[in-house]
Amino acid sequence: MNRAVRATANRSEQVEQIASRLLAQVALLRRLLARQLGDELSRTNAGILNTLSDGPRRITELAELEGLAQPTTTILVKQLERQGLVRRERQADDGRVVLVYVTETGAEALREARERAGAALRSALTEMSNQQIEALAAATEALQELIVLLRHGPAT
């Protein structure tokens, strides 16, 4: 087999391996961090607050973005509202539309959760070799590019 064919086969195998393992590994990393940080802000609630930090959303849009059923999202938003982390407001130009906003308290709770997660990650990262850190730095950049592709689709 010539070098170009081997490179293509190797790339295909790598793509398949990444596609089959990446999501599970990211999910496990999130669960491990959540366990270390305690239950102050659940992963689901943190996801909702994170999404709302980009701006207010309708519950239907929020449910779609978070991959949750609309009734589940409504219940979660009500719980977050009782905790003072979000607020709901009717849209001025169409009173039928309710938008959900993150409050300053919610934004602060999200910042604190991110800071705790960052501290836990930094602690673990200090135990890794320089080579592993370099590999994770490259992987982090590649993940950012993957996010751009998934968000906007491949360039045509």
Protein backbone atom coordinates (compact mmCIF):
# COMPACT_ATOMS: atom_id res chain seq x y z
CA MET A 1 0.00 0.00 0.00
CA ASN A 2 1.45 3.38 -0.94
CA ARG A 3 1.95 6.17 1.57
CA ALA A 4 -1.07 8.26 0.41
CA VAL A 5 -3.44 5.28 0.70
CA ARG A 6 -2.06 4.41 4.18
CA ALA A 7 -2.45 8.04 5.28
CA THR A 8 -6.07 8.07 4.08
CA ALA A 9 -6.83 4.76 5.82
CA ASN A 10 -5.10 5.98 8.98
CA ARG A 11 -7.05 9.28 8.87
CA SER A 12 -10.33 7.42 8.35
CA GLU A 13 -9.55 5.17 11.31
CA GLN A 14 -8.65 8.19 13.45
CA VAL A 15 -11.85 10.01 12.47
CA GLU A 16 -13.89 6.92 13.32
CA GLN A 17 -12.15 6.49 16.69
CA ILE A 18 -12.61 10.17 17.61
CA ALA A 19 -16.26 10.18 16.49
CA SER A 20 -17.00 7.09 18.58
CA ARG A 21 -15.16 8.16 21.75
CA LEU A 22 -15.08 11.97 22.03
CA LEU A 23 -18.63 12.55 23.21
CA ALA A 24 -18.43 9.86 25.89
CA GLN A 25 -15.12 11.21 27.15
CA VAL A 26 -16.37 14.80 27.31
CA ALA A 27 -19.51 13.65 29.14
CA LEU A 28 -17.41 11.66 31.61
CA LEU A 29 -15.14 14.67 32.20
CA ARG A 30 -18.19 16.83 32.94
CA ARG A 31 -19.61 14.21 35.34
CA LEU A 32 -16.30 13.85 37.18
CA LEU A 33 -15.99 17.61 37.58
CA ALA A 34 -19.61 17.89 38.73
CA ARG A 35 -19.02 15.19 41.33
CA GLN A 36 -15.92 16.97 42.64
CA LEU A 37 -17.73 20.31 42.78
CA GLY A 38 -20.84 19.07 44.55
CA ASP A 39 -24.48 19.77 43.75
CA GLU A 40 -24.56 23.56 44.06
CA LEU A 41 -25.41 23.96 40.37
CA SER A 42 -26.42 20.89 38.37
CA ARG A 43 -24.96 20.29 34.93
CA THR A 44 -28.37 20.86 33.38
CA ASN A 45 -28.93 24.12 35.24
CA ALA A 46 -25.41 25.27 34.40
CA GLY A 47 -26.14 24.48 30.74
CA ILE A 48 -29.31 26.55 30.80
CA LEU A 49 -27.55 29.48 32.48
CA ASN A 50 -24.69 29.21 30.00
CA THR A 51 -27.07 29.31 27.05
CA LEU A 52 -28.93 32.27 28.53
CA SER A 53 -25.65 34.13 29.06
CA ASP A 54 -25.66 34.64 25.27
CA GLY A 55 -28.99 36.46 25.58
CA PRO A 56 -32.64 35.84 26.43
CA ARG A 57 -34.43 32.89 24.85
CA ARG A 58 -37.94 31.53 24.47
CA ILE A 59 -38.49 28.32 26.39
CA THR A 60 -39.00 26.40 23.13
CA GLU A 61 -35.66 27.66 21.80
CA LEU A 62 -33.94 26.98 25.13
CA ALA A 63 -35.31 23.42 25.15
CA GLU A 64 -34.07 22.82 21.61
CA LEU A 65 -30.60 24.23 22.33
CA GLU A 66 -30.25 22.16 25.52
CA GLY A 67 -31.67 18.98 23.98
CA LEU A 68 -34.50 18.83 26.51
CA ALA A 69 -38.25 18.39 26.20
CA GLN A 70 -40.19 21.63 26.45
CA PRO A 71 -42.13 20.55 29.59
CA THR A 72 -38.85 19.60 31.28
CA THR A 73 -37.34 22.95 30.35
CA THR A 74 -40.39 24.77 31.71
CA ILE A 75 -40.03 22.97 35.05
CA LEU A 76 -36.29 23.72 35.19
CA VAL A 77 -36.85 27.39 34.36
CA LYS A 78 -39.46 27.65 37.12
CA GLN A 79 -37.00 26.12 39.60
CA LEU A 80 -34.24 28.47 38.48
CA GLU A 81 -36.65 31.40 38.74
CA ARG A 82 -37.54 30.45 42.35
CA GLN A 83 -33.81 30.42 43.12
CA GLY A 84 -33.44 33.89 41.59
CA LEU A 85 -31.11 32.65 38.86
CA VAL A 86 -33.38 33.52 35.91
CA ARG A 87 -36.39 35.72 35.27
CA ARG A 88 -39.19 35.45 32.75
CA GLU A 89 -40.60 38.46 30.96
CA ARG A 90 -43.30 38.93 28.37
CA GLN A 91 -41.98 40.43 25.16
CA ALA A 92 -43.12 44.07 24.85
CA ASP A 93 -44.26 43.86 21.21
CA ASP A 94 -45.99 40.47 21.59
CA GLY A 95 -47.39 39.67 25.04
CA ARG A 96 -47.83 36.00 24.10
CA VAL A 97 -44.06 35.53 23.91
CA VAL A 98 -42.20 34.92 27.16
CA LEU A 99 -38.43 35.33 27.20
CA VAL A 100 -36.13 33.86 29.84
CA TYR A 101 -33.20 35.98 31.03
CA VAL A 102 -30.29 35.07 33.29
CA THR A 103 -30.19 37.31 36.37
CA GLU A 104 -27.04 38.79 37.86
CA THR A 105 -27.34 36.16 40.61
CA GLY A 106 -27.53 33.44 37.94
CA ALA A 107 -24.56 34.89 36.06
CA GLU A 108 -22.57 34.98 39.30
CA ALA A 109 -23.52 31.37 40.13
CA LEU A 110 -22.33 30.33 36.67
CA ARG A 111 -19.06 32.29 37.05
CA GLU A 112 -18.43 30.63 40.42
CA ALA A 113 -19.15 27.17 39.01
CA ARG A 114 -16.76 27.83 36.12
CA GLU A 115 -14.08 29.07 38.53
CA ARG A 116 -14.41 25.94 40.69
CA ALA A 117 -14.31 23.71 37.61
CA GLY A 118 -11.27 25.58 36.32
CA ALA A 119 -9.51 25.16 39.66
CA ALA A 120 -10.25 21.42 39.68
CA LEU A 121 -8.96 21.10 36.11
CA ARG A 122 -5.81 23.11 36.88
CA SER A 123 -5.12 20.87 39.85
CA ALA A 124 -5.39 17.72 37.74
CA LEU A 125 -3.44 19.25 34.85
CA THR A 126 -0.47 20.03 37.09
CA GLU A 127 -0.07 16.26 37.56
CA MET A 128 0.31 15.65 33.82
CA SER A 129 3.53 15.60 31.80
CA ASN A 130 4.60 18.51 29.57
CA GLN A 131 3.91 16.32 26.53
CA GLN A 132 0.35 15.62 27.70
CA ILE A 133 -0.22 19.33 28.38
CA GLU A 134 0.99 20.19 24.86
CA ALA A 135 -1.32 17.52 23.41
CA LEU A 136 -4.28 18.89 25.40
CA ALA A 137 -3.46 22.43 24.28
CA ALA A 138 -3.56 21.29 20.65
CA ALA A 139 -6.73 19.29 21.29
CA THR A 140 -8.39 22.33 22.88
CA GLU A 141 -7.68 24.39 19.75
CA ALA A 142 -8.97 21.57 17.56
CA LEU A 143 -12.13 21.32 19.69
CA GLN A 144 -12.75 25.01 19.14
CA GLU A 145 -12.54 24.45 15.38
CA LEU A 146 -14.90 21.47 15.68
CA ILE A 147 -17.38 23.66 17.57
CA VAL A 148 -17.24 26.26 14.81
CA LEU A 149 -17.93 23.56 12.20
CA LEU A 150 -20.83 22.13 14.17
CA ARG A 151 -22.28 25.57 14.82
CA HIS A 152 -22.05 26.88 11.28
CA GLY A 153 -21.61 23.80 9.12
CA PRO A 154 -18.67 23.13 6.84
CA ALA A 155 -17.55 25.91 4.49
CA THR A 156 -18.79 25.33 0.95
